Amino acid sequence: NEEKAFQFALIAAHLAPQDPEEWGRLADMSLEQGDRLQAVACYRKAVDAEPQCLKYHWSRCDLLEQLGEKSKTLMAFKRMLSVLKGMTDNPEEHGELNLQQIGQEYIRAAREAARLYHERNSLEDAGKIIQEAITLHPSAAESGDINLLLDLLISQQLYEEAMEVICEHCDAKFEATTNPAELSQLESDQQLQAFSAVNLPDSTPQEIYSKLVIILLQLNAKHLV
């Protein structure tokens, strides 16, 4: 019967543990039988056998969250991010995905990890994980990712860091009458006082404009609002 066939296949897979596709097939069979715990175990074996095959990571994370295993889900996403960081450092070794695609997967996984950190009120960890993703793959980051990072930084009252994010990732342009050479000698807070205007591209989402206003007010630069 099907149950016996599954058990024999499971034994065979344990005898040849480096076959990710077989573990993936066993995970599918487990789900058909309604055994999500067994499916999670099989997906973990698939990930162990071929860490760079991202579909097994995603399936495992999805199932763990369905089971309410938030801490294990977060650890699974962090493992995926570690794999993706290795792929980022050596994209030529992973022919199935180019660097842009690796970046998109990295950002996507970082969003989920940041969400889980946010749910446990670990704002600093959430900010770090999304900031690292944006720093590693700026071209794959979307305005929503920048807005999330700004939210997290503002929540921690890290206004200078938030201003740096605006400058680096939102194409902010500052106007000043002061000589550029003199400006470069000033501290960051003094530079803000020396600027006469700050502009963002017309395509900038309203929520980022709103964050900029908050940041400028908190940095005592209301003349730029």
Protein backbone atom coordinates (compact mmCIF):
# COMPACT_ATOMS: atom_id res chain seq x y z
CA ASN A 1 0.00 0.00 0.00
CA GLU A 2 0.97 3.67 -0.23
CA GLU A 3 2.12 3.89 3.39
CA LYS A 4 4.49 0.96 3.00
CA ALA A 5 5.77 2.29 -0.30
CA PHE A 6 6.47 5.63 1.36
CA GLN A 7 8.33 3.98 4.26
CA PHE A 8 10.49 1.97 1.85
CA ALA A 9 11.23 5.14 -0.13
CA LEU A 10 12.14 6.91 3.09
CA ILE A 11 14.57 4.15 4.05
CA ALA A 12 16.10 4.25 0.57
CA ALA A 13 16.53 8.02 0.80
CA HIS A 14 18.36 7.69 4.13
CA LEU A 15 20.72 5.25 2.45
CA ALA A 16 21.44 7.82 -0.26
CA PRO A 17 21.08 11.11 1.67
CA GLN A 18 22.67 13.35 -0.97
CA ASP A 19 19.75 13.15 -3.42
CA PRO A 20 17.79 16.42 -2.99
CA GLU A 21 15.19 15.57 -5.62
CA GLU A 22 14.29 12.34 -3.84
CA TRP A 23 13.90 14.21 -0.55
CA GLY A 24 11.73 16.75 -2.34
CA ARG A 25 9.57 13.96 -3.74
CA LEU A 26 9.24 12.44 -0.26
CA ALA A 27 8.22 15.84 1.11
CA ASP A 28 5.47 16.03 -1.53
CA MET A 29 4.31 12.52 -0.60
CA SER A 30 4.27 13.50 3.08
CA LEU A 31 2.06 16.48 2.28
CA GLU A 32 -0.30 14.30 0.27
CA GLN A 33 -0.65 12.14 3.38
CA GLY A 34 -1.23 15.22 5.55
CA ASP A 35 2.01 14.79 7.47
CA ARG A 36 3.50 18.29 7.50
CA LEU A 37 6.06 17.46 10.19
CA GLN A 38 7.50 14.69 8.04
CA ALA A 39 7.46 17.03 5.05
CA VAL A 40 9.48 19.62 7.00
CA ALA A 41 12.03 16.92 7.89
CA CYS A 42 12.29 15.89 4.25
CA TYR A 43 12.73 19.47 3.05
CA ARG A 44 15.51 19.90 5.60
CA LYS A 45 17.25 16.85 4.16
CA ALA A 46 16.82 18.32 0.67
CA VAL A 47 18.36 21.60 1.85
CA ASP A 48 21.25 19.71 3.47
CA ALA A 49 21.85 17.82 0.24
CA GLU A 50 21.75 20.89 -2.02
CA PRO A 51 21.81 24.18 -0.07
CA GLN A 52 21.77 26.34 -3.20
CA CYS A 53 18.42 24.93 -4.36
CA LEU A 54 16.25 27.72 -2.99
CA LYS A 55 12.85 26.13 -3.61
CA TYR A 56 13.48 23.67 -0.77
CA HIS A 57 14.36 26.53 1.60
CA TRP A 58 11.14 28.37 0.71
CA SER A 59 8.98 25.28 1.07
CA ARG A 60 10.52 24.48 4.46
CA CYS A 61 10.06 28.04 5.75
CA ASP A 62 6.46 28.12 4.55
CA LEU A 63 5.60 24.84 6.28
CA LEU A 64 7.36 25.79 9.52
CA GLU A 65 5.34 29.00 9.70
CA GLN A 66 2.12 27.13 8.95
CA LEU A 67 2.94 24.92 11.93
CA GLY A 68 3.37 27.99 14.13
CA GLU A 69 7.10 27.38 14.58
CA LYS A 70 8.10 31.05 14.38
CA SER A 71 11.58 30.67 15.91
CA LYS A 72 12.43 27.74 13.64
CA THR A 73 11.06 29.65 10.65
CA LEU A 74 13.33 32.58 11.46
CA MET A 75 16.35 30.28 11.79
CA ALA A 76 15.46 28.67 8.46
CA PHE A 77 15.31 32.08 6.78
CA LYS A 78 18.65 33.03 8.33
CA ARG A 79 20.15 29.83 6.95
CA MET A 80 18.79 30.73 3.50
CA LEU A 81 20.26 34.22 3.79
CA SER A 82 23.64 32.72 4.68
CA VAL A 83 23.49 30.55 1.57
CA LEU A 84 22.44 33.54 -0.56
CA LYS A 85 25.32 35.60 0.82
CA GLY A 86 27.72 32.89 -0.31
CA MET A 87 26.04 32.90 -3.72
CA THR A 88 26.40 36.71 -3.82
CA ASP A 89 30.13 36.45 -3.18
CA ASN A 90 30.59 33.81 -5.92
CA PRO A 91 27.75 34.21 -8.46
CA GLU A 92 29.75 32.57 -11.25
CA GLU A 93 29.57 29.26 -9.37
CA HIS A 94 25.76 29.26 -9.49
CA GLY A 95 24.83 29.24 -13.16
CA GLU A 96 21.08 28.85 -12.63
CA LEU A 97 20.77 32.35 -11.14
CA ASN A 98 22.50 35.55 -12.15
CA LEU A 99 23.51 38.18 -9.58
CA GLN A 100 20.30 40.19 -10.07
CA GLN A 101 18.16 37.10 -9.44
CA ILE A 102 20.24 36.20 -6.39
CA GLY A 103 19.66 39.75 -5.15
CA GLN A 104 15.90 39.46 -5.61
CA GLU A 105 15.85 36.22 -3.63
CA TYR A 106 18.05 37.74 -0.93
CA ILE A 107 15.80 40.79 -0.53
CA ARG A 108 12.69 38.60 -0.49
CA ALA A 109 14.08 36.35 2.25
CA ALA A 110 15.34 39.36 4.23
CA ARG A 111 11.85 40.88 4.18
CA GLU A 112 10.45 37.72 5.74
CA ALA A 113 13.18 37.52 8.37
CA ALA A 114 12.70 41.21 9.22
CA ARG A 115 8.95 40.63 9.56
CA LEU A 116 9.52 37.78 11.99
CA TYR A 117 11.99 39.85 14.02
CA HIS A 118 9.48 42.71 14.04
CA GLU A 119 6.76 40.38 15.32
CA ARG A 120 8.92 39.58 18.35
CA ASN A 121 9.69 43.31 18.74
CA SER A 122 13.38 42.83 17.88
CA LEU A 123 13.56 46.09 15.93
CA GLU A 124 17.35 46.30 15.94
CA ASP A 125 17.73 42.82 14.45
CA ALA A 126 14.98 43.52 11.91
CA GLY A 127 16.73 46.72 10.85
CA LYS A 128 20.13 45.06 10.57
CA ILE A 129 18.89 42.22 8.40
CA ILE A 130 17.01 44.43 5.92
CA GLN A 131 19.84 46.99 5.86
CA GLU A 132 22.40 44.32 5.02
CA ALA A 133 20.17 43.08 2.20
CA ILE A 134 19.78 46.58 0.75
CA THR A 135 23.53 47.23 1.07
CA LEU A 136 24.43 43.96 -0.67
CA HIS A 137 21.79 44.26 -3.39
CA PRO A 138 20.72 47.90 -3.79
CA SER A 139 19.45 47.35 -7.34
CA ALA A 140 17.06 44.63 -6.14
CA ALA A 141 15.63 46.73 -3.30
CA GLU A 142 12.26 48.39 -3.85
CA SER A 143 10.89 51.58 -2.33
CA GLY A 144 8.92 49.46 0.14
CA ASP A 145 12.18 47.98 1.45
CA ILE A 146 13.68 51.45 1.93
CA ASN A 147 10.49 52.58 3.66
CA LEU A 148 10.60 49.55 5.97
CA LEU A 149 14.21 50.28 6.92
CA LEU A 150 13.37 53.93 7.60
CA ASP A 151 10.42 52.85 9.76
CA LEU A 152 12.68 50.59 11.82
CA LEU A 153 15.39 53.23 12.25
CA ILE A 154 12.91 55.95 13.20
CA SER A 155 11.26 53.59 15.70
CA GLN A 156 14.66 53.30 17.39
CA GLN A 157 15.22 57.08 17.17
CA LEU A 158 18.23 56.49 14.91
CA TYR A 159 17.62 59.64 12.89
CA GLU A 160 21.16 60.20 11.60
CA GLU A 161 21.29 56.63 10.29
CA ALA A 162 17.88 57.17 8.68
CA MET A 163 19.19 60.35 7.01
CA GLU A 164 22.11 58.35 5.63
CA VAL A 165 19.66 55.85 4.12
CA ILE A 166 17.77 58.74 2.46
CA CYS A 167 21.04 60.07 1.03
CA GLU A 168 22.36 56.71 -0.18
CA HIS A 169 19.22 55.08 -1.52
CA CYS A 170 16.70 57.84 -2.32
CA ASP A 171 18.88 60.07 -4.51
CA ALA A 172 18.50 63.08 -2.21
CA LYS A 173 19.99 66.31 -3.59
CA PHE A 174 21.02 69.11 -1.25
CA GLU A 175 21.38 72.78 -2.13
CA ALA A 176 23.74 75.15 -0.33
CA THR A 177 25.32 78.56 -0.77
CA THR A 178 28.35 77.48 1.24
CA ASN A 179 31.49 76.52 -0.66
CA PRO A 180 31.68 72.68 -1.14
CA ALA A 181 35.20 72.61 0.31
CA GLU A 182 33.95 74.36 3.44
CA LEU A 183 30.95 72.04 3.66
CA SER A 184 33.17 68.99 3.64
CA GLN A 185 34.93 70.26 6.77
CA LEU A 186 31.70 70.44 8.76
CA GLU A 187 30.18 67.76 10.98
CA SER A 188 26.99 66.13 9.67
CA ASP A 189 24.69 68.18 11.90
CA GLN A 190 26.47 71.38 10.89
CA GLN A 191 26.14 70.43 7.24
CA LEU A 192 22.37 70.10 7.63
CA GLN A 193 22.24 73.60 9.06
CA ALA A 194 24.29 74.91 6.14
CA PHE A 195 22.02 73.43 3.47
CA SER A 196 19.26 75.63 2.08
CA ALA A 197 17.10 72.90 0.51
CA VAL A 198 16.79 69.16 0.02
CA ASN A 199 15.03 67.55 -2.94
CA LEU A 200 13.94 64.03 -3.77
CA PRO A 201 13.05 62.73 -7.25
CA ASP A 202 9.43 63.25 -8.37
CA SER A 203 8.94 59.47 -8.40
CA THR A 204 9.65 59.17 -4.65
CA PRO A 205 6.67 57.60 -2.81
CA GLN A 206 4.78 59.88 -0.42
CA GLU A 207 5.60 57.72 2.61
CA ILE A 208 9.32 58.34 2.07
CA TYR A 209 8.71 62.10 1.79
CA SER A 210 6.86 61.86 5.11
CA LYS A 211 9.76 59.99 6.71
CA LEU A 212 12.17 62.67 5.47
CA VAL A 213 10.10 65.39 7.17
CA ILE A 214 10.17 63.45 10.47
CA ILE A 215 13.93 62.92 10.20
CA LEU A 216 14.67 66.58 9.42
CA LEU A 217 12.53 67.79 12.31
CA GLN A 218 14.24 65.40 14.71
CA LEU A 219 17.66 66.56 13.49
CA ASN A 220 16.74 70.22 14.12
CA ALA A 221 16.68 71.03 10.42
CA LYS A 222 13.12 72.29 10.13
CA HIS A 223 14.32 75.01 7.72
CA LEU A 224 14.65 72.18 5.14
CA VAL A 225 11.07 70.93 5.59
